[in-house]
Structures are given as structure tokens and as C-alpha cells.
Amino acid sequence: MHPGRTAMVRAAPDRLTHCHDDEHDTNEILVLGATGKTGRRLVRRLRAAGASVRAAARSGEVRFDWSRPDSWDGALAGASALYLVAPDDPVSVRDFVKRAEAAGVRRFVALSGRGIDHVGEGFGQGMLAGELAVRDSGAEWTVLRPNNFDQNFDEDLWRASLRAGRLALPIGAVPEPFVDAEDVAEVAAAALTEDGHAGRVYDLSGPRALTFGAAVETIAEAAGRPIRYVELAPEEYRAELLAEGHPEAAAEALGTMFALHRAGYTAEPADGVQRALGREPVDFGTWAARAAAAGAWA
């Protein structure tokens, strides 16, 4: 499962077709979380292919705030397809999906997380609610369940630690088939604009699983500088997060995520990218070389 709620492989414009039904003939696609890892890549990809996109976020082109239901209708106006990035509140998700369907949305693509069906109370409930809400709707739906994004290493979550030369996590030797967020965005674009994806759940991963220690070695080699991986006990990890100023809720969520990974539910490579796009996903080493060349860990 990707936490926090990422080489360029662009969809050819002729991959994308107009989303339509009997009452609508429009390519208007509402993308929630349009400033996030997958959202901004999806917006760029869809627009490059000629689609009409409403890029929605609290600070996006289209104003959208989960905590302000009065912002929902304006964002939904004219949209017939929707990329759903759910908040933590499951009630808001259910209410929003009902309102979206009533407003004319006929196709949903919901971003979730791999292993979400094995998570207990208190973590990932918004994503799970998003899955259930789109499944229960009368619209076409597709669910995306990615592994940890490659871009967690170079954009936000672990970038500062890697630049400082030390990444410490409570994961042990359980491997993870990290996925490029560009691959996730391309699958989302296909599901939003092409037929043949309705009713499918795509588990999205990279082509091979490697431990976090091996991932750090790959990054260090690509960056040309020493970076070490340190294994922590779960309680040590929690203490470090709190000492760094992370909120209690964030420490709890990340701890739960790593417990899920240690259980092995997300350890094997999945075939979602191949099923959706007919090609292999981007390899972690290929992505790391590209990120290092862009100065990610300089």
C-alpha cells in the first residue's frame, strides 16, 4: 500500500478515447488530488492526449475540499468521469460518490492501496470506503491498488532521510515491488478513457520485489554517494517519528502500514500494469537512475 495519501512513459494520444453514454458526449474528466503524486501526472497525461480535465484540489485549478461539501457541486459540474482519491473520512466518501453519480458521473476510477483488504480499523478506511462506494454505484468503476511508489524515495516521504545518508524503517527482509507513479497514472488514464476496464481491480507493482535495504543500495549507487539502510524495531521507529515532530496519527498510520508489509501481503509482484497496458512496468533501477540524474539525492 502506498503511504500518505510515484522514466516517464507517456500514453500515445490515440490510446485515449472519449468517455460517453446516451446522455453525455464529453471528455470532461474530474481529477481529485490533482496536485498529488498520481493526480498531477494523470492531469498532464490526459491533457497531452487532448482530454478536457478539471484539476481539483484545495489549492488546485478547480477548488475542492473534502471538509467543505459546498465545494463539491462546482467541481462535479459537467464531469462524466472521475478519478477518486479518497480522504480518511469514510462517510464523506460515500456521500460524495452518491452526489457525483447524481451529477452525471458515469465512470469512476478509485485510487486505493494494495493490501487494503487486510487492514484493520483506523487505517485506510477512506480508501476502502471509496472502493465500496464506487462498486455500489450504478456507474462503471475501476479500482487501482498500487504498492509503495518509487517516488516516496525522491519526492517527499523518505527523500530528506536519504539526502542525509540514512534511511531507518521497521520492515526487515520482507521485499516490496515498488511501483512508478507514472505507471499508476497511465493505468488511471486508460481506465478513465478506454472501454474494457470496468469492474476490474488492478494490483499495481513494479516488475520485481526488493528489500528496502536493496532499494537504498540501488539509490546510493545511482546517486554516487554513500547512503545506508538501518533496521528499526517498530517501537523505535515510532519514537523516531515522534521525535522528528510527526503527529501521533501519522506515526500510527505509518506503523500500521509497515505492519501490513511485514505480514507479506504486498511482497509479490502483481500483474496489474501488464493487464491494463499490455507492457511491463518500469523497473526500480531504471527509475532510480533517472531520479538521480535529476539531482534527487545530490
Protein backbone atom coordinates (compact mmCIF):
# COMPACT_ATOMS: atom_id res chain seq x y z
CA MET A 1 0.00 0.00 0.00
CA HIS A 2 1.28 3.42 -0.84
CA PRO A 3 1.70 5.63 2.24
CA GLY A 4 0.35 9.14 2.68
CA ARG A 5 -2.12 9.57 0.58
CA THR A 6 5.37 7.97 -7.75
CA ALA A 7 11.36 7.20 -16.53
CA MET A 8 8.40 8.96 -17.95
CA VAL A 9 6.26 6.60 -20.05
CA ARG A 10 3.65 8.65 -21.86
CA ALA A 11 0.47 7.30 -23.36
CA ALA A 12 0.15 7.88 -27.06
CA PRO A 13 -2.75 10.24 -27.80
CA ASP A 14 -4.53 7.61 -29.87
CA ARG A 15 -4.83 5.40 -26.77
CA LEU A 16 -7.34 7.78 -25.27
CA THR A 17 -10.95 7.74 -26.40
CA HIS A 18 -13.88 9.85 -25.33
CA CYS A 19 -15.91 8.70 -22.34
CA HIS A 20 -19.57 8.77 -23.29
CA ASP A 21 -23.05 7.46 -22.65
CA ASP A 22 -26.53 8.03 -24.08
CA GLU A 23 -26.96 11.42 -22.41
CA HIS A 24 -23.36 12.67 -22.44
CA ASP A 25 -20.83 13.07 -25.23
CA THR A 26 -17.99 14.68 -23.35
CA ASN A 27 -14.38 14.15 -22.41
CA GLU A 28 -14.76 16.14 -19.18
CA ILE A 29 -12.77 14.30 -16.52
CA LEU A 30 -12.61 15.43 -12.90
CA VAL A 31 -9.29 14.54 -11.23
CA LEU A 32 -9.27 14.79 -7.44
CA GLY A 33 -5.94 15.12 -5.68
CA ALA A 34 -4.69 16.86 -8.81
CA THR A 35 -1.57 18.19 -7.05
CA GLY A 36 -0.61 14.78 -5.63
CA LYS A 37 1.82 12.14 -6.90
CA THR A 38 -0.56 10.37 -9.25
CA GLY A 39 -3.03 13.21 -9.78
CA ARG A 40 -0.65 15.71 -11.31
CA ARG A 41 0.84 13.05 -13.57
CA LEU A 42 -2.63 11.98 -14.64
CA VAL A 43 -3.68 15.55 -15.43
CA ARG A 44 -0.56 16.09 -17.55
CA ARG A 45 -1.03 12.80 -19.38
CA LEU A 46 -4.72 13.35 -20.12
CA ARG A 47 -4.18 16.90 -21.37
CA ALA A 48 -1.31 15.82 -23.59
CA ALA A 49 -3.76 13.39 -25.17
CA GLY A 50 -6.34 16.13 -25.76
CA ALA A 51 -8.76 15.35 -22.95
CA SER A 52 -10.71 18.07 -21.14
CA VAL A 53 -9.67 17.87 -17.49
CA ARG A 54 -10.89 19.54 -14.31
CA ALA A 55 -7.87 19.50 -11.97
CA ALA A 56 -9.32 19.66 -8.46
CA ALA A 57 -7.63 20.16 -5.10
CA ARG A 58 -7.82 22.54 -2.15
CA SER A 59 -5.25 24.69 -3.95
CA GLY A 60 -5.90 23.41 -7.47
CA GLU A 61 -7.33 24.97 -10.61
CA VAL A 62 -10.75 23.75 -9.50
CA ARG A 63 -11.41 24.30 -5.80
CA PHE A 64 -12.30 21.10 -3.98
CA ASP A 65 -12.21 20.47 -0.24
CA TRP A 66 -13.44 17.24 1.33
CA SER A 67 -14.31 19.12 4.52
CA ARG A 68 -16.43 21.63 2.57
CA PRO A 69 -19.33 19.81 0.84
CA ASP A 70 -20.38 23.16 -0.63
CA SER A 71 -17.31 22.90 -2.90
CA TRP A 72 -18.32 19.54 -4.34
CA ASP A 73 -21.06 20.52 -6.79
CA GLY A 74 -18.98 23.14 -8.56
CA ALA A 75 -16.17 20.64 -9.07
CA LEU A 76 -18.57 17.99 -10.34
CA ALA A 77 -20.39 20.23 -12.83
CA GLY A 78 -20.02 18.81 -16.33
CA ALA A 79 -17.90 15.79 -15.36
CA SER A 80 -18.76 12.37 -16.74
CA ALA A 81 -15.64 10.57 -15.45
CA LEU A 82 -13.85 10.95 -12.11
CA TYR A 83 -10.52 9.99 -10.56
CA LEU A 84 -11.25 9.41 -6.87
CA VAL A 85 -8.52 9.96 -4.28
CA ALA A 86 -10.36 9.45 -1.01
CA PRO A 87 -9.79 11.21 2.33
CA ASP A 88 -9.61 9.42 5.67
CA ASP A 89 -13.30 10.02 6.45
CA PRO A 90 -15.36 7.14 5.01
CA VAL A 91 -18.67 8.99 5.46
CA SER A 92 -17.56 11.86 3.22
CA VAL A 93 -16.55 9.40 0.51
CA ARG A 94 -19.89 7.63 0.40
CA ASP A 95 -21.80 10.91 0.33
CA PHE A 96 -19.58 12.34 -2.38
CA VAL A 97 -19.85 9.32 -4.68
CA LYS A 98 -23.65 9.45 -4.42
CA ARG A 99 -23.61 13.15 -5.28
CA ALA A 100 -21.18 12.57 -8.15
CA GLU A 101 -23.38 9.90 -9.67
CA ALA A 102 -26.44 12.14 -9.34
CA ALA A 103 -24.48 14.94 -11.07
CA GLY A 104 -23.81 12.75 -14.11
CA VAL A 105 -20.56 10.91 -13.44
CA ARG A 106 -20.74 7.62 -15.31
CA ARG A 107 -17.24 6.29 -14.76
CA PHE A 108 -15.15 6.16 -11.57
CA VAL A 109 -11.51 5.21 -11.15
CA ALA A 110 -10.69 4.90 -7.44
CA LEU A 111 -7.12 5.04 -6.11
CA SER A 112 -6.73 2.62 -3.22
CA GLY A 113 -3.79 0.67 -1.83
CA ARG A 114 -2.51 -2.85 -2.23
CA GLY A 115 -3.39 -4.99 0.78
CA ILE A 116 -6.19 -2.64 1.84
CA ASP A 117 -8.49 -5.62 2.41
CA HIS A 118 -6.14 -6.84 5.16
CA VAL A 119 -6.06 -3.56 7.11
CA GLY A 120 -7.92 -3.30 10.39
CA GLU A 121 -9.81 -0.41 11.93
CA GLY A 122 -8.32 3.05 11.95
CA PHE A 123 -6.13 2.99 8.85
CA GLY A 124 -7.01 3.16 5.17
CA GLN A 125 -10.71 3.31 5.88
CA GLY A 126 -11.28 6.17 3.47
CA MET A 127 -9.69 4.25 0.60
CA LEU A 128 -11.68 1.15 1.46
CA ALA A 129 -14.86 3.22 1.62
CA GLY A 130 -14.01 4.65 -1.80
CA GLU A 131 -13.73 1.15 -3.23
CA LEU A 132 -17.05 0.08 -1.75
CA ALA A 133 -18.82 3.28 -2.78
CA VAL A 134 -17.88 3.05 -6.45
CA ARG A 135 -18.68 -0.67 -6.53
CA ASP A 136 -22.14 0.06 -5.08
CA SER A 137 -22.81 2.88 -7.52
CA GLY A 138 -24.66 2.39 -10.78
CA ALA A 139 -21.67 3.67 -12.74
CA GLU A 140 -18.73 1.91 -14.35
CA TRP A 141 -15.85 1.56 -11.90
CA THR A 142 -12.21 0.51 -11.76
CA VAL A 143 -10.08 0.23 -8.61
CA LEU A 144 -6.30 0.77 -8.56
CA ARG A 145 -4.31 -0.79 -5.71
CA PRO A 146 -0.65 0.23 -6.02
CA ASN A 147 2.33 -0.81 -3.95
CA ASN A 148 4.63 1.83 -2.42
CA PHE A 149 5.53 4.44 -5.01
CA ASP A 150 9.11 4.75 -6.23
CA GLN A 151 8.60 8.48 -5.78
CA ASN A 152 8.27 8.12 -2.00
CA PHE A 153 12.07 7.96 -2.10
CA ASP A 154 12.68 11.14 -4.07
CA GLU A 155 9.71 13.48 -3.63
CA ASP A 156 8.70 13.62 0.00
CA LEU A 157 8.39 10.74 2.45
CA TRP A 158 11.97 9.42 2.55
CA ARG A 159 13.85 11.95 0.45
CA ALA A 160 15.25 14.00 3.35
CA SER A 161 16.50 10.90 5.14
CA LEU A 162 18.22 9.63 2.00
CA ARG A 163 19.83 13.00 1.37
CA ALA A 164 21.09 12.88 4.96
CA GLY A 165 22.62 9.46 4.26
CA ARG A 166 20.42 7.25 6.45
CA LEU A 167 17.01 5.65 6.00
CA ALA A 168 15.70 3.79 9.05
CA LEU A 169 12.49 1.75 8.86
CA PRO A 170 10.80 -1.24 10.56
CA ILE A 171 10.42 -3.62 7.63
CA GLY A 172 13.12 -6.29 7.90
CA ALA A 173 13.82 -8.59 4.96
CA VAL A 174 10.29 -8.58 3.54
CA PRO A 175 10.57 -7.36 -0.07
CA GLU A 176 8.45 -4.76 -1.82
CA PRO A 177 7.82 -4.47 -5.59
CA PHE A 178 7.83 -0.64 -5.66
CA VAL A 179 5.80 0.93 -8.47
CA ASP A 180 6.46 4.03 -10.57
CA ALA A 181 3.69 6.61 -10.12
CA GLU A 182 3.91 7.24 -13.87
CA ASP A 183 2.71 3.68 -14.42
CA VAL A 184 -0.16 4.24 -12.00
CA ALA A 185 -1.13 7.44 -13.82
CA GLU A 186 -1.05 5.70 -17.20
CA VAL A 187 -3.32 2.91 -15.93
CA ALA A 188 -5.67 5.53 -14.48
CA ALA A 189 -5.76 7.38 -17.82
CA ALA A 190 -6.58 4.18 -19.66
CA ALA A 191 -9.35 3.24 -17.22
CA LEU A 192 -10.87 6.73 -17.41
CA THR A 193 -10.88 6.97 -21.18
CA GLU A 194 -10.95 3.47 -22.65
CA ASP A 195 -13.51 0.68 -22.61
CA GLY A 196 -12.58 -2.72 -21.22
CA HIS A 197 -11.54 -1.76 -17.67
CA ALA A 198 -14.95 -1.60 -15.97
CA GLY A 199 -15.38 -3.85 -12.94
CA ARG A 200 -11.68 -4.58 -12.61
CA VAL A 201 -9.35 -4.28 -9.63
CA TYR A 202 -5.76 -3.71 -10.70
CA ASP A 203 -2.99 -4.50 -8.22
CA LEU A 204 -0.12 -2.32 -9.48
CA SER A 205 3.52 -3.05 -8.74
CA GLY A 206 6.94 -2.93 -10.29
CA PRO A 207 8.36 -5.96 -12.13
CA ARG A 208 10.43 -7.27 -9.21
CA ALA A 209 10.47 -7.22 -5.44
CA LEU A 210 13.47 -5.98 -3.49
CA THR A 211 14.05 -5.26 0.17
CA PHE A 212 14.22 -1.70 1.43
CA GLY A 213 17.89 -2.32 2.09
CA ALA A 214 18.43 -3.33 -1.53
CA ALA A 215 16.39 -0.33 -2.67
CA VAL A 216 18.66 2.00 -0.69
CA GLU A 217 21.74 0.30 -2.19
CA THR A 218 20.29 0.87 -5.67
CA ILE A 219 19.65 4.53 -4.88
CA ALA A 220 23.12 5.00 -3.37
CA GLU A 221 24.75 3.50 -6.46
CA ALA A 222 22.66 5.68 -8.78
CA ALA A 223 23.40 8.79 -6.70
CA GLY A 224 27.10 8.00 -6.45
CA ARG A 225 27.25 8.59 -2.71
CA PRO A 226 27.06 6.53 0.49
CA ILE A 227 23.56 6.01 1.92
CA ARG A 228 22.84 3.33 4.50
CA TYR A 229 19.71 1.49 5.49
CA VAL A 230 19.08 0.88 9.20
CA GLU A 231 16.54 -1.62 10.50
CA LEU A 232 14.44 -0.42 13.45
CA ALA A 233 12.06 -2.22 15.76
CA PRO A 234 8.50 -0.88 15.39
CA GLU A 235 8.67 0.92 18.73
CA GLU A 236 12.00 2.53 17.79
CA TYR A 237 10.53 3.73 14.51
CA ARG A 238 7.55 5.25 16.26
CA ALA A 239 9.83 7.02 18.75
CA GLU A 240 11.94 8.48 15.91
CA LEU A 241 8.86 9.75 14.08
CA LEU A 242 7.52 11.48 17.17
CA ALA A 243 10.95 12.93 17.99
CA GLU A 244 11.07 14.39 14.47
CA GLY A 245 7.77 16.15 15.11
CA HIS A 246 5.38 13.91 13.20
CA PRO A 247 1.82 13.89 14.58
CA GLU A 248 0.65 10.90 16.60
CA ALA A 249 -1.84 9.98 13.88
CA ALA A 250 0.86 9.94 11.20
CA ALA A 251 3.11 7.75 13.34
CA GLU A 252 0.21 5.37 13.92
CA ALA A 253 -0.67 5.22 10.22
CA LEU A 254 2.90 4.58 9.08
CA GLY A 255 3.37 1.95 11.79
CA THR A 256 0.23 0.17 10.62
CA MET A 257 1.38 0.33 7.01
CA PHE A 258 4.70 -1.31 7.82
CA ALA A 259 2.95 -3.98 9.89
CA LEU A 260 0.92 -4.78 6.77
CA HIS A 261 4.11 -5.05 4.70
CA ARG A 262 5.83 -7.24 7.30
CA ALA A 263 2.88 -9.64 7.04
CA GLY A 264 3.83 -10.17 3.40
CA TYR A 265 0.52 -9.21 1.77
CA THR A 266 2.21 -6.85 -0.68
CA ALA A 267 5.53 -8.66 -1.17
CA GLU A 268 4.98 -10.40 -4.50
CA PRO A 269 4.92 -8.56 -7.84
CA ALA A 270 1.45 -8.05 -9.29
CA ASP A 271 0.36 -8.06 -12.93
CA GLY A 272 -1.97 -5.04 -12.98
CA VAL A 273 0.21 -2.88 -15.21
CA GLN A 274 0.59 -5.71 -17.70
CA ARG A 275 -3.15 -6.44 -17.68
CA ALA A 276 -4.16 -2.81 -18.11
CA LEU A 277 -1.48 -1.58 -20.53
CA GLY A 278 -0.08 -4.68 -22.22
CA ARG A 279 3.52 -3.89 -21.23
CA GLU A 280 5.93 -4.42 -18.36
CA PRO A 281 6.08 -1.82 -15.57
CA VAL A 282 9.11 0.41 -15.09
CA ASP A 283 11.91 -1.22 -13.09
CA PHE A 284 13.08 0.36 -9.83
CA GLY A 285 16.66 0.61 -11.08
CA THR A 286 15.56 2.44 -14.23
CA TRP A 287 13.55 4.89 -12.15
CA ALA A 288 16.40 5.40 -9.62
CA ALA A 289 18.90 6.21 -12.38
CA ARG A 290 16.52 8.78 -13.82
CA ALA A 291 15.79 10.35 -10.41
CA ALA A 292 19.50 10.54 -9.56
CA ALA A 293 20.25 12.20 -12.89
CA ALA A 294 17.65 14.83 -11.98
CA GLY A 295 19.51 15.51 -8.71
CA ALA A 296 17.05 13.91 -6.30
CA TRP A 297 19.65 12.93 -3.68
CA ALA A 298 22.52 15.28 -4.54
